[in-house]
Amino acid sequence: MMILICGIPSEAPVRLVIEAAVKQRAPHVVFHQREAHLYDLHLAVDRGGVWGQLYMRHKTWRLNEFSGVYVRLMDYRDLPEHQPHMPGALNADERHKSALIHSTLDEWLEMASCPVLNRSSAMASNSSKPYQAQLIARAGLDTPATLVTNQPDAARTFWDEHERVIFKSISSIRSVVKELTQARLTELARIRFLPTQFQAYVPGTNIRVHVVGDELFATRIDTEAVDYRYAGQDGLDVAMTPIVLPNAIADRCRRLAHLLNLPLCGIDLKQTPDDQYVCFEVNPS
């Protein structure tokens, strides 16, 4: 058994996976994507299946030796090493090799017979929040009233129809969830150049559900912040408590993860004061 961990070892989620593997004494190897230009990857597909070899740090691993893969890769084009103007940037040949290694690795991950957490094809649903919302509804979970628009008048009408409204990015690019306040209404003209997702504010308690295969790990998050991830920036506290979800909601979370083909994901819910559960989005890594 050998686990392949793909990402940047200093990034917290990847670091925690590595630490867990060490603690469990699980054999593992790390594909450090910032060093991809130093690696070699050979991939072949024939009637016998998919096979190949990965060369890293003077060692060779057969791809079929890996019993599972954890993937948390940045877009290699955003890496500092790929920015020609940055100190320590790769030269043109090194950038080209890094790009080829990343592309070939992704191709293998799509075809690999071992468990992969997660394949890029499955994670692509996170690139469109409106599309993802349709799958959330198909899984049986409620979603908030939503408007995606680049028309200021439509956004203002939506704000008039609901007592409180929040807005955020419609893509996988992280954005801070903000409330559409009276003061921000004066800035709505800016959305003409950037379609934005507006949602009716849902009162209640935030719940983060991590799905790992068929296992669920739910956490209640108590905070006054609109976006609990950035509560500290607003000087607000956050308290997290493990909880057990009602069976029906837990089953829908599993159904959603399976529908998205994401064996590992984080589902954002809110439990309303009248004990309803509303789902906002699913994060694949």
Protein backbone atom coordinates (compact mmCIF):
# COMPACT_ATOMS: atom_id res chain seq x y z
CA MET A 1 0.00 0.00 0.00
CA MET A 2 1.30 3.44 -0.94
CA ILE A 3 -0.58 6.75 -0.80
CA LEU A 4 0.27 9.55 -3.21
CA ILE A 5 -0.31 13.05 -1.79
CA CYS A 6 -0.40 15.79 -4.42
CA GLY A 7 -0.10 19.46 -3.55
CA ILE A 8 2.06 21.95 -1.70
CA PRO A 9 3.26 20.41 1.60
CA SER A 10 3.27 23.74 3.44
CA GLU A 11 -0.42 24.39 2.69
CA ALA A 12 -2.48 23.54 5.77
CA PRO A 13 -4.81 20.84 4.33
CA VAL A 14 -1.94 19.04 2.60
CA ARG A 15 0.26 19.37 5.67
CA LEU A 16 -2.47 17.85 7.85
CA VAL A 17 -2.88 14.90 5.49
CA ILE A 18 0.87 14.29 5.55
CA GLU A 19 0.92 14.52 9.35
CA ALA A 20 -2.00 12.07 9.57
CA ALA A 21 -0.20 9.62 7.27
CA VAL A 22 2.94 9.86 9.40
CA LYS A 23 0.93 9.37 12.60
CA GLN A 24 -0.81 6.31 11.16
CA ARG A 25 2.49 5.04 9.78
CA ALA A 26 0.83 4.84 6.39
CA PRO A 27 3.37 4.55 3.55
CA HIS A 28 3.12 7.68 1.42
CA VAL A 29 4.97 9.85 -1.03
CA VAL A 30 4.42 13.55 -1.75
CA PHE A 31 4.14 15.06 -5.22
CA HIS A 32 5.30 18.62 -4.44
CA GLN A 33 3.85 20.53 -7.36
CA ARG A 34 6.26 23.44 -6.99
CA GLU A 35 9.02 20.94 -7.79
CA ALA A 36 7.22 19.32 -10.73
CA HIS A 37 9.89 20.52 -13.18
CA LEU A 38 12.34 18.22 -11.37
CA TYR A 39 10.16 15.12 -11.81
CA ASP A 40 9.52 12.75 -14.69
CA LEU A 41 6.24 10.98 -15.38
CA HIS A 42 5.71 8.27 -17.95
CA LEU A 43 2.13 7.26 -18.80
CA ALA A 44 0.95 4.65 -21.27
CA VAL A 45 -2.46 3.32 -22.22
CA ASP A 46 -2.88 0.09 -24.14
CA ARG A 47 -5.16 -2.94 -24.28
CA GLY A 48 -3.73 -4.06 -20.97
CA GLY A 49 -4.87 -0.90 -19.25
CA VAL A 50 -3.13 2.15 -17.86
CA TRP A 51 0.41 1.95 -16.58
CA GLY A 52 3.42 4.14 -16.04
CA GLN A 53 6.09 5.39 -13.68
CA LEU A 54 6.69 8.47 -11.56
CA TYR A 55 10.27 9.58 -10.95
CA MET A 56 10.83 11.88 -7.96
CA ARG A 57 13.84 12.62 -5.77
CA HIS A 58 15.99 9.89 -7.32
CA LYS A 59 13.31 7.25 -6.75
CA THR A 60 10.87 5.50 -9.06
CA TRP A 61 7.28 4.48 -8.31
CA ARG A 62 5.07 2.43 -10.59
CA LEU A 63 1.69 4.13 -10.88
CA ASN A 64 -0.14 0.89 -10.16
CA GLU A 65 1.64 0.74 -6.78
CA PHE A 66 -0.45 3.61 -5.47
CA SER A 67 -3.46 2.42 -3.49
CA GLY A 68 -4.99 5.89 -3.20
CA VAL A 69 -4.37 9.53 -4.07
CA TYR A 70 -5.17 12.74 -2.20
CA VAL A 71 -5.27 15.72 -4.56
CA ARG A 72 -5.12 19.38 -3.65
CA LEU A 73 -3.37 21.01 -6.57
CA MET A 74 -3.29 24.68 -7.45
CA ASP A 75 -3.52 25.72 -11.08
CA TYR A 76 0.17 25.45 -11.91
CA ARG A 77 -0.07 28.65 -13.97
CA ASP A 78 -0.67 30.55 -10.71
CA LEU A 79 2.45 29.22 -8.99
CA PRO A 80 5.13 31.85 -8.30
CA GLU A 81 7.64 29.69 -10.17
CA HIS A 82 5.55 30.09 -13.33
CA GLN A 83 5.59 33.91 -13.21
CA PRO A 84 8.56 35.03 -15.35
CA HIS A 85 8.86 38.35 -13.49
CA MET A 86 9.07 36.72 -10.04
CA PRO A 87 12.40 36.08 -8.27
CA GLY A 88 13.36 32.43 -8.61
CA ALA A 89 11.03 31.90 -11.57
CA LEU A 90 11.56 28.87 -13.78
CA ASN A 91 13.02 29.34 -17.22
CA ALA A 92 10.89 28.65 -20.31
CA ASP A 93 11.97 25.01 -20.63
CA GLU A 94 11.32 24.33 -16.95
CA ARG A 95 7.88 25.93 -17.13
CA HIS A 96 7.06 23.81 -20.17
CA LYS A 97 8.15 20.63 -18.39
CA SER A 98 6.18 21.52 -15.25
CA ALA A 99 3.08 22.11 -17.38
CA LEU A 100 3.49 18.73 -19.11
CA ILE A 101 4.00 16.91 -15.80
CA HIS A 102 0.85 18.50 -14.34
CA SER A 103 -1.17 17.71 -17.46
CA THR A 104 0.00 14.09 -17.57
CA LEU A 105 -0.64 13.63 -13.85
CA ASP A 106 -4.19 14.92 -14.28
CA GLU A 107 -4.78 12.53 -17.17
CA TRP A 108 -3.63 9.60 -15.06
CA LEU A 109 -5.77 10.66 -12.09
CA GLU A 110 -8.83 10.57 -14.35
CA MET A 111 -8.06 6.99 -15.39
CA ALA A 112 -6.50 5.58 -12.22
CA SER A 113 -8.23 2.50 -10.81
CA CYS A 114 -7.38 3.38 -7.21
CA PRO A 115 -9.48 5.82 -5.11
CA VAL A 116 -8.72 9.45 -5.98
CA LEU A 117 -9.79 12.29 -3.67
CA ASN A 118 -10.79 14.03 -5.92
CA ARG A 119 -10.60 13.85 -9.70
CA SER A 120 -10.58 17.20 -11.52
CA SER A 121 -13.58 16.20 -13.65
CA ALA A 122 -15.65 15.80 -10.48
CA MET A 123 -14.30 18.98 -8.89
CA ALA A 124 -15.32 20.97 -11.98
CA SER A 125 -18.89 21.28 -10.67
CA ASN A 126 -17.52 23.79 -8.17
CA SER A 127 -16.61 26.10 -11.05
CA SER A 128 -20.27 26.99 -11.50
CA LYS A 129 -22.29 27.63 -8.37
CA PRO A 130 -25.60 27.83 -10.33
CA TYR A 131 -24.95 24.41 -11.88
CA GLN A 132 -23.96 22.98 -8.52
CA ALA A 133 -27.17 24.37 -6.97
CA GLN A 134 -29.20 22.26 -9.43
CA LEU A 135 -27.40 19.12 -8.26
CA ILE A 136 -27.92 20.11 -4.63
CA ALA A 137 -31.66 20.33 -5.27
CA ARG A 138 -31.61 16.99 -7.11
CA ALA A 139 -30.10 15.41 -3.99
CA GLY A 140 -33.13 16.58 -2.01
CA LEU A 141 -31.60 19.49 -0.11
CA ASP A 142 -33.20 22.93 0.01
CA THR A 143 -31.37 25.93 -1.46
CA PRO A 144 -31.95 29.64 -0.79
CA ALA A 145 -33.74 31.94 -3.22
CA THR A 146 -31.03 32.86 -5.72
CA LEU A 147 -30.41 35.38 -8.49
CA VAL A 148 -27.42 35.39 -10.82
CA THR A 149 -27.21 38.60 -12.79
CA ASN A 150 -25.07 41.42 -14.12
CA GLN A 151 -28.04 43.79 -14.22
CA PRO A 152 -28.07 46.32 -11.35
CA ASP A 153 -31.84 46.85 -11.58
CA ALA A 154 -32.50 43.10 -11.25
CA ALA A 155 -30.25 42.92 -8.21
CA ARG A 156 -32.00 45.88 -6.60
CA THR A 157 -35.42 44.31 -7.24
CA PHE A 158 -34.21 41.08 -5.63
CA TRP A 159 -33.00 43.09 -2.63
CA ASP A 160 -36.41 44.78 -2.39
CA GLU A 161 -38.16 41.38 -2.40
CA HIS A 162 -36.11 39.96 0.49
CA GLU A 163 -35.42 41.54 3.84
CA ARG A 164 -31.72 40.63 3.69
CA VAL A 165 -29.50 39.56 0.77
CA ILE A 166 -25.93 38.27 0.54
CA PHE A 167 -23.71 38.10 -2.55
CA LYS A 168 -20.70 36.05 -3.66
CA SER A 169 -18.78 34.70 -6.64
CA ILE A 170 -20.49 32.25 -8.99
CA SER A 171 -17.21 30.45 -9.79
CA SER A 172 -14.73 28.34 -7.85
CA ILE A 173 -12.60 31.41 -7.16
CA ARG A 174 -12.91 32.09 -3.44
CA SER A 175 -14.77 35.22 -2.44
CA VAL A 176 -15.82 36.60 0.93
CA VAL A 177 -19.58 36.36 1.39
CA LYS A 178 -20.92 39.84 2.10
CA GLU A 179 -24.33 41.27 2.88
CA LEU A 180 -25.87 43.63 0.33
CA THR A 181 -26.37 46.66 2.53
CA GLN A 182 -27.96 50.00 1.71
CA ALA A 183 -24.47 51.48 1.31
CA ARG A 184 -23.41 48.77 -1.16
CA LEU A 185 -26.45 49.39 -3.37
CA THR A 186 -24.60 52.41 -4.74
CA GLU A 187 -21.91 50.08 -6.11
CA LEU A 188 -24.24 47.77 -8.05
CA ALA A 189 -23.15 49.26 -11.38
CA ARG A 190 -19.92 47.29 -10.99
CA ILE A 191 -21.69 43.95 -11.55
CA ARG A 192 -22.24 44.84 -15.23
CA PHE A 193 -18.73 43.50 -15.81
CA LEU A 194 -18.96 40.58 -13.40
CA PRO A 195 -22.11 38.44 -13.10
CA THR A 196 -22.70 37.90 -9.40
CA GLN A 197 -24.77 35.51 -7.30
CA PHE A 198 -27.25 37.06 -4.89
CA GLN A 199 -29.11 34.96 -2.33
CA ALA A 200 -31.78 35.62 0.24
CA TYR A 201 -30.12 35.71 3.66
CA VAL A 202 -30.93 32.57 5.65
CA PRO A 203 -31.01 33.06 9.44
CA GLY A 204 -29.79 30.29 11.67
CA THR A 205 -26.68 28.29 12.55
CA ASN A 206 -23.93 27.38 10.10
CA ILE A 207 -23.10 23.69 9.78
CA ARG A 208 -20.13 22.30 7.90
CA VAL A 209 -20.46 18.67 6.86
CA HIS A 210 -17.37 16.80 5.72
CA VAL A 211 -18.17 13.68 3.75
CA VAL A 212 -15.47 11.01 3.53
CA GLY A 213 -16.79 8.07 1.56
CA ASP A 214 -19.97 7.17 3.47
CA GLU A 215 -18.78 8.72 6.72
CA LEU A 216 -20.08 12.13 7.84
CA PHE A 217 -18.43 14.60 10.19
CA ALA A 218 -20.72 17.53 10.98
CA THR A 219 -19.70 20.65 12.88
CA ARG A 220 -21.93 23.41 14.21
CA ILE A 221 -20.37 26.86 13.79
CA ASP A 222 -21.60 29.60 16.10
CA THR A 223 -20.69 33.14 15.05
CA GLU A 224 -22.27 36.49 14.28
CA ALA A 225 -20.25 36.78 11.06
CA VAL A 226 -21.95 36.49 7.67
CA ASP A 227 -18.97 34.43 6.43
CA TYR A 228 -17.61 32.40 9.34
CA ARG A 229 -14.34 31.74 7.48
CA TYR A 230 -13.40 35.39 7.86
CA ALA A 231 -14.98 36.17 11.22
CA GLY A 232 -11.59 37.17 12.60
CA GLN A 233 -11.29 39.97 10.05
CA ASP A 234 -14.43 41.51 11.52
CA GLY A 235 -13.27 40.98 15.09
CA LEU A 236 -15.90 38.30 15.70
CA ASP A 237 -15.54 34.99 17.52
CA VAL A 238 -16.21 31.52 16.14
CA ALA A 239 -17.13 28.45 18.20
CA MET A 240 -17.17 24.99 16.60
CA THR A 241 -18.91 21.94 18.06
CA PRO A 242 -19.22 18.39 16.64
CA ILE A 243 -22.86 17.42 16.07
CA VAL A 244 -24.93 14.55 14.69
CA LEU A 245 -27.24 15.37 11.80
CA PRO A 246 -30.79 14.01 11.51
CA ASN A 247 -30.72 10.79 9.50
CA ALA A 248 -32.70 12.26 6.61
CA ILE A 249 -30.30 15.20 6.21
CA ALA A 250 -27.26 12.95 6.57
CA ASP A 251 -28.59 10.67 3.84
CA ARG A 252 -29.11 13.64 1.52
CA CYS A 253 -25.55 14.82 2.14
CA ARG A 254 -24.25 11.36 1.20
CA ARG A 255 -26.50 11.35 -1.86
CA LEU A 256 -25.15 14.74 -2.89
CA ALA A 257 -21.52 13.66 -2.52
CA HIS A 258 -22.22 10.55 -4.60
CA LEU A 259 -24.10 12.57 -7.21
CA LEU A 260 -21.11 14.91 -7.53
CA ASN A 261 -18.73 11.92 -7.58
CA LEU A 262 -16.80 13.51 -4.71
CA PRO A 263 -15.70 10.90 -2.14
CA LEU A 264 -14.25 13.79 -0.12
CA CYS A 265 -16.09 17.10 0.15
CA GLY A 266 -17.30 19.82 2.48
CA ILE A 267 -21.00 20.75 2.40
CA ASP A 268 -22.17 24.10 3.74
CA LEU A 269 -25.57 23.99 5.46
CA LYS A 270 -27.58 26.28 7.66
CA GLN A 271 -30.10 25.12 10.26
CA THR A 272 -32.87 27.70 10.48
CA PRO A 273 -34.74 28.65 13.68
CA ASP A 274 -37.69 26.51 12.50
CA ASP A 275 -35.36 23.49 12.14
CA GLN A 276 -35.07 23.48 8.36
CA TYR A 277 -31.77 22.71 6.63
CA VAL A 278 -30.63 24.82 3.69
CA CYS A 279 -27.60 23.99 1.53
CA PHE A 280 -25.42 26.68 -0.03
CA GLU A 281 -22.58 24.90 -1.80
CA VAL A 282 -20.15 22.00 -1.86
CA ASN A 283 -16.37 22.40 -1.68
CA PRO A 284 -14.34 19.60 -3.27
CA SER A 285 -11.05 19.93 -1.40
